[in-house]
Amino acid sequence: MKLKIKALSPKIGTEIPTPFYATAGAAAMDLHACIDQAVVIPAGGRRVIPTGIAIALPSADYVALVFARSGLGIKHGIAPANCVGVIDSDYRGEIMVGLQNSGESDYTVQPGDRIAQLMLTPVVQAELELVDELDDTARGAGGFGSTGA
């Protein structure tokens, strides 16, 4: 599939890298902070960081998902504030990443820093059917911890 990317900032492709897959086996591409100066995310705080790009998914058969970068999350407590960002196929605005700092120290995002990952995946829109009963399974209605974990 082809993903159309529109640079919304003249910095894209020069000062700020265009998203790319870092390795042949990468499932997602890095998104970079398209900012003019450093942004501090205080411990326990949130900030919205622009990426300077917009995308056009080829059809409603796809969605783009914004995930945390594992190193930022594990080492610094920096992750998307909404856990996973959903970019619908008909959205054409700038991709913005709301980052939350769950760490104990302030974190500074520098211009061009890799701040999140963008993954493209197929979508299935289900046909909904309201029923009185659901099929039985071995697990049934067992909730949290019911499988022994």
C-alpha atoms as a PDB file:
ATOM      1  CA  MET A   1       0.000   0.000   0.000  1.00  0.00           C
ATOM      2  CA  LYS A   2       1.058   3.588  -0.448  1.00  0.00           C
ATOM      3  CA  LEU A   3       0.718   6.129   2.345  1.00  0.00           C
ATOM      4  CA  LYS A   4       0.522   9.727   1.244  1.00  0.00           C
ATOM      5  CA  ILE A   5       2.309  12.072   3.673  1.00  0.00           C
ATOM      6  CA  LYS A   6       1.899  15.836   3.490  1.00  0.00           C
ATOM      7  CA  ALA A   7       4.578  18.033   5.054  1.00  0.00           C
ATOM      8  CA  LEU A   8       2.831  20.790   7.007  1.00  0.00           C
ATOM      9  CA  SER A   9       6.130  22.338   8.056  1.00  0.00           C
ATOM     10  CA  PRO A  10       9.068  23.317   5.830  1.00  0.00           C
ATOM     11  CA  LYS A  11      11.287  21.518   8.369  1.00  0.00           C
ATOM     12  CA  ILE A  12       9.981  18.085   7.320  1.00  0.00           C
ATOM     13  CA  GLY A  13      12.586  16.242   5.300  1.00  0.00           C
ATOM     14  CA  THR A  14      15.382  18.631   6.306  1.00  0.00           C
ATOM     15  CA  GLU A  15      15.568  19.412  10.037  1.00  0.00           C
ATOM     16  CA  ILE A  16      12.825  16.940  10.975  1.00  0.00           C
ATOM     17  CA  PRO A  17      12.948  13.464   9.379  1.00  0.00           C
ATOM     18  CA  THR A  18      10.021  12.194   7.350  1.00  0.00           C
ATOM     19  CA  PRO A  19       8.641   9.065   9.057  1.00  0.00           C
ATOM     20  CA  PHE A  20      10.376   5.870   7.938  1.00  0.00           C
ATOM     21  CA  TYR A  21      10.717   2.240   8.957  1.00  0.00           C
ATOM     22  CA  ALA A  22      14.049   1.908  10.778  1.00  0.00           C
ATOM     23  CA  THR A  23      14.562  -1.748   9.823  1.00  0.00           C
ATOM     24  CA  ALA A  24      13.169  -4.200   7.281  1.00  0.00           C
ATOM     25  CA  GLY A  25      11.253  -5.940  10.074  1.00  0.00           C
ATOM     26  CA  ALA A  26       9.858  -2.803  11.746  1.00  0.00           C
ATOM     27  CA  ALA A  27       6.086  -2.872  12.242  1.00  0.00           C
ATOM     28  CA  ALA A  28       5.817   0.874  12.825  1.00  0.00           C
ATOM     29  CA  MET A  29       7.589   4.069  11.818  1.00  0.00           C
ATOM     30  CA  ASP A  30       8.821   6.731  14.197  1.00  0.00           C
ATOM     31  CA  LEU A  31       7.070  10.077  14.525  1.00  0.00           C
ATOM     32  CA  HIS A  32       9.266  13.075  15.316  1.00  0.00           C
ATOM     33  CA  ALA A  33       8.626  16.238  17.302  1.00  0.00           C
ATOM     34  CA  CYS A  34       8.180  19.127  14.876  1.00  0.00           C
ATOM     35  CA  ILE A  35       8.787  21.954  17.341  1.00  0.00           C
ATOM     36  CA  ASP A  36      10.844  25.149  17.226  1.00  0.00           C
ATOM     37  CA  GLN A  37      12.212  24.854  20.749  1.00  0.00           C
ATOM     38  CA  ALA A  38      12.404  22.307  23.543  1.00  0.00           C
ATOM     39  CA  VAL A  39       9.175  21.415  25.358  1.00  0.00           C
ATOM     40  CA  VAL A  40       9.290  20.307  28.982  1.00  0.00           C
ATOM     41  CA  ILE A  41       6.757  17.723  30.117  1.00  0.00           C
ATOM     42  CA  PRO A  42       6.666  18.025  33.893  1.00  0.00           C
ATOM     43  CA  ALA A  43       6.480  14.893  36.034  1.00  0.00           C
ATOM     44  CA  GLY A  44       2.809  13.943  36.119  1.00  0.00           C
ATOM     45  CA  GLY A  45       2.032  16.400  33.304  1.00  0.00           C
ATOM     46  CA  ARG A  46       0.931  16.244  29.675  1.00  0.00           C
ATOM     47  CA  ARG A  47       1.830  18.174  26.532  1.00  0.00           C
ATOM     48  CA  VAL A  48       0.632  17.988  22.936  1.00  0.00           C
ATOM     49  CA  ILE A  49       3.522  17.712  20.494  1.00  0.00           C
ATOM     50  CA  PRO A  50       3.005  18.388  16.765  1.00  0.00           C
ATOM     51  CA  THR A  51       4.613  16.151  14.144  1.00  0.00           C
ATOM     52  CA  GLY A  52       4.407  18.555  11.200  1.00  0.00           C
ATOM     53  CA  ILE A  53       2.749  15.955   8.972  1.00  0.00           C
ATOM     54  CA  ALA A  54      -0.676  14.854   7.822  1.00  0.00           C
ATOM     55  CA  ILE A  55      -1.460  11.549   6.129  1.00  0.00           C
ATOM     56  CA  ALA A  56      -4.036  10.164   3.719  1.00  0.00           C
ATOM     57  CA  LEU A  57      -4.828   6.515   4.270  1.00  0.00           C
ATOM     58  CA  PRO A  58      -5.883   4.892   0.972  1.00  0.00           C
ATOM     59  CA  SER A  59      -9.337   3.802   2.166  1.00  0.00           C
ATOM     60  CA  ALA A  60     -11.585   3.053   5.120  1.00  0.00           C
ATOM     61  CA  ASP A  61     -10.013  -0.412   5.103  1.00  0.00           C
ATOM     62  CA  TYR A  62      -7.075   1.020   7.102  1.00  0.00           C
ATOM     63  CA  VAL A  63      -6.399   2.882  10.338  1.00  0.00           C
ATOM     64  CA  ALA A  64      -3.195   4.459  11.604  1.00  0.00           C
ATOM     65  CA  LEU A  65      -2.411   3.856  15.268  1.00  0.00           C
ATOM     66  CA  VAL A  66      -0.049   5.969  17.375  1.00  0.00           C
ATOM     67  CA  PHE A  67       1.825   3.921  19.963  1.00  0.00           C
ATOM     68  CA  ALA A  68       4.460   4.691  22.578  1.00  0.00           C
ATOM     69  CA  ARG A  69       8.117   4.206  21.853  1.00  0.00           C
ATOM     70  CA  SER A  70       9.150   1.468  24.262  1.00  0.00           C
ATOM     71  CA  GLY A  71      12.392   3.173  25.320  1.00  0.00           C
ATOM     72  CA  LEU A  72      10.620   6.416  26.238  1.00  0.00           C
ATOM     73  CA  GLY A  73       7.972   4.542  28.179  1.00  0.00           C
ATOM     74  CA  ILE A  74      10.292   2.202  30.064  1.00  0.00           C
ATOM     75  CA  LYS A  75      13.174   4.585  30.741  1.00  0.00           C
ATOM     76  CA  HIS A  76      11.323   7.867  31.243  1.00  0.00           C
ATOM     77  CA  GLY A  77       7.593   7.166  31.716  1.00  0.00           C
ATOM     78  CA  ILE A  78       6.739   9.043  28.499  1.00  0.00           C
ATOM     79  CA  ALA A  79       3.803   7.593  26.560  1.00  0.00           C
ATOM     80  CA  PRO A  80       0.734   8.777  24.658  1.00  0.00           C
ATOM     81  CA  ALA A  81      -1.746  10.269  27.129  1.00  0.00           C
ATOM     82  CA  ASN A  82      -4.624   8.394  25.481  1.00  0.00           C
ATOM     83  CA  CYS A  83      -2.628   5.117  25.419  1.00  0.00           C
ATOM     84  CA  VAL A  84      -3.167   4.578  21.684  1.00  0.00           C
ATOM     85  CA  GLY A  85      -4.029   7.298  19.207  1.00  0.00           C
ATOM     86  CA  VAL A  86      -6.478   6.385  16.458  1.00  0.00           C
ATOM     87  CA  ILE A  87      -6.189   8.177  13.121  1.00  0.00           C
ATOM     88  CA  ASP A  88      -9.253   7.425  11.025  1.00  0.00           C
ATOM     89  CA  SER A  89      -9.013   7.023   7.268  1.00  0.00           C
ATOM     90  CA  ASP A  90     -10.910  10.277   6.637  1.00  0.00           C
ATOM     91  CA  TYR A  91      -8.788  12.500   8.935  1.00  0.00           C
ATOM     92  CA  ARG A  92      -6.530  14.916   7.052  1.00  0.00           C
ATOM     93  CA  GLY A  93      -5.280  17.186   9.858  1.00  0.00           C
ATOM     94  CA  GLU A  94      -1.881  17.280  11.490  1.00  0.00           C
ATOM     95  CA  ILE A  95      -0.890  14.269  13.536  1.00  0.00           C
ATOM     96  CA  MET A  96      -0.492  15.546  17.085  1.00  0.00           C
ATOM     97  CA  VAL A  97       0.826  13.344  19.884  1.00  0.00           C
ATOM     98  CA  GLY A  98      -0.417  13.966  23.403  1.00  0.00           C
ATOM     99  CA  LEU A  99       2.387  12.787  25.661  1.00  0.00           C
ATOM    100  CA  GLN A 100       2.067  12.066  29.362  1.00  0.00           C
ATOM    101  CA  ASN A 101       4.938  11.913  31.818  1.00  0.00           C
ATOM    102  CA  SER A 102       4.285   9.270  34.465  1.00  0.00           C
ATOM    103  CA  GLY A 103       7.920   9.471  35.564  1.00  0.00           C
ATOM    104  CA  GLU A 104       9.288  11.171  38.658  1.00  0.00           C
ATOM    105  CA  SER A 105      11.352  13.751  36.758  1.00  0.00           C
ATOM    106  CA  ASP A 106      10.554  16.402  34.172  1.00  0.00           C
ATOM    107  CA  TYR A 107      11.272  15.260  30.608  1.00  0.00           C
ATOM    108  CA  THR A 108      12.427  17.539  27.797  1.00  0.00           C
ATOM    109  CA  VAL A 109      11.409  16.897  24.196  1.00  0.00           C
ATOM    110  CA  GLN A 110      13.878  18.396  21.750  1.00  0.00           C
ATOM    111  CA  PRO A 111      13.096  19.375  18.142  1.00  0.00           C
ATOM    112  CA  GLY A 112      13.330  16.255  15.968  1.00  0.00           C
ATOM    113  CA  ASP A 113      13.125  13.775  18.861  1.00  0.00           C
ATOM    114  CA  ARG A 114      11.356  10.504  18.136  1.00  0.00           C
ATOM    115  CA  ILE A 115       8.208  10.742  20.245  1.00  0.00           C
ATOM    116  CA  ALA A 116       5.908   7.909  19.134  1.00  0.00           C
ATOM    117  CA  GLN A 117       5.388   5.170  16.567  1.00  0.00           C
ATOM    118  CA  LEU A 118       2.866   5.101  13.733  1.00  0.00           C
ATOM    119  CA  MET A 119       1.461   1.720  12.687  1.00  0.00           C
ATOM    120  CA  LEU A 120      -0.918   1.059   9.808  1.00  0.00           C
ATOM    121  CA  THR A 121      -3.302  -1.842  10.107  1.00  0.00           C
ATOM    122  CA  PRO A 122      -6.434  -3.191   8.415  1.00  0.00           C
ATOM    123  CA  VAL A 123      -9.864  -2.356   9.829  1.00  0.00           C
ATOM    124  CA  VAL A 124     -12.928  -4.546  10.068  1.00  0.00           C
ATOM    125  CA  GLN A 125     -16.197  -2.708  10.607  1.00  0.00           C
ATOM    126  CA  ALA A 126     -18.529  -5.251  12.177  1.00  0.00           C
ATOM    127  CA  GLU A 127     -22.199  -5.603  11.401  1.00  0.00           C
ATOM    128  CA  LEU A 128     -23.813  -5.364  14.831  1.00  0.00           C
ATOM    129  CA  GLU A 129     -26.500  -7.782  15.960  1.00  0.00           C
ATOM    130  CA  LEU A 130     -28.319  -7.302  19.258  1.00  0.00           C
ATOM    131  CA  VAL A 131     -28.991 -10.722  20.816  1.00  0.00           C
ATOM    132  CA  ASP A 132     -30.570 -12.052  24.009  1.00  0.00           C
ATOM    133  CA  GLU A 133     -27.817 -14.617  24.648  1.00  0.00           C
ATOM    134  CA  LEU A 134     -24.175 -15.110  23.664  1.00  0.00           C
ATOM    135  CA  ASP A 135     -22.539 -18.400  22.708  1.00  0.00           C
ATOM    136  CA  ASP A 136     -21.141 -20.373  25.653  1.00  0.00           C
ATOM    137  CA  THR A 137     -17.352 -20.761  26.065  1.00  0.00           C
ATOM    138  CA  ALA A 138     -15.156 -22.565  28.592  1.00  0.00           C
ATOM    139  CA  ARG A 139     -14.269 -19.203  30.156  1.00  0.00           C
ATOM    140  CA  GLY A 140     -17.769 -17.787  30.121  1.00  0.00           C
ATOM    141  CA  ALA A 141     -18.146 -14.472  31.960  1.00  0.00           C
ATOM    142  CA  GLY A 142     -14.973 -14.954  34.047  1.00  0.00           C
ATOM    143  CA  GLY A 143     -13.309 -11.560  34.356  1.00  0.00           C
ATOM    144  CA  PHE A 144      -9.955 -10.254  35.571  1.00  0.00           C
ATOM    145  CA  GLY A 145      -7.736 -13.072  36.845  1.00  0.00           C
ATOM    146  CA  SER A 146     -10.201 -15.809  35.945  1.00  0.00           C
ATOM    147  CA  THR A 147      -7.651 -17.597  33.743  1.00  0.00           C
ATOM    148  CA  GLY A 148      -5.183 -17.901  36.613  1.00  0.00           C
ATOM    149  CA  ALA A 149      -3.011 -14.922  35.709  1.00  0.00           C
END
